């Protein structure tokens, strides 16, 4: 029995050594090799969000437009009340009535907006509520404005129109939005995100023949959002667009 154990141990050691030797023999050094990674990653998303449904939502079976609002860096955290500081959620809190579903998620503290999480949230809202998929709109301010550019660029077929406010973007990639109506807002005296950042995006989009409007507030600093979201014409402009226009 003792001899059998010794023999098995010796065979195991040889197998290990042989395996290492074989693996080392298969390695190629000194030049580039094409390799492939096949990996399944499961991700859990947890996010708080404010949901506003129009007053007539329950009394109507129609499909409703949807606006996704993305806040700035100052509203990050776990206190959803912070999201009511600015933009459409603030107006709702003050009694404003909107003719669309409003979704206002909250970004976690010390993080930035995650595009896959935002699209997953939209998919979830679509599955639960009567959403008109041809009339989904995207807007955000500062960090949320940057995310507006980023999300729309990654999913240009998803949104009927977008409104980035006081935000930097990706001029080299904005060509994919040439068929998406865009209205950009910026303060001339913005010392947080210089107006040149917004101008670069507008210039790049115009160069591609995109449908883009650019509103500059001559006396405004970084807060280009208060006047924008208080303007009824902004919502009329949004709701005037539909993905059906592109078909």
Foldseek 3Di string as FASTA:
>chain_A
DVVVVVVVVVVVVVVVVVVVVVVVVPDDDDDDDDDDDDDDDDDDDDWDKDKDDAPCQVVDPAAFAEEEEEEALVQAADPRVSQLPFFPNVVVVVPDGDRGMYIYIHHHHPDADDLVNVVVVVVVCVVPGRHDQFQYEYEYAESSLQVQQVNCLVVVLRHQEYERELYAYDLVRLLSNQAHAYEYEYECAAPPRHVVRVVSNVVSSVVSNRHYHYYYHDHDYRPRRRVQRVDPVNVVVSRVTTSVVVD
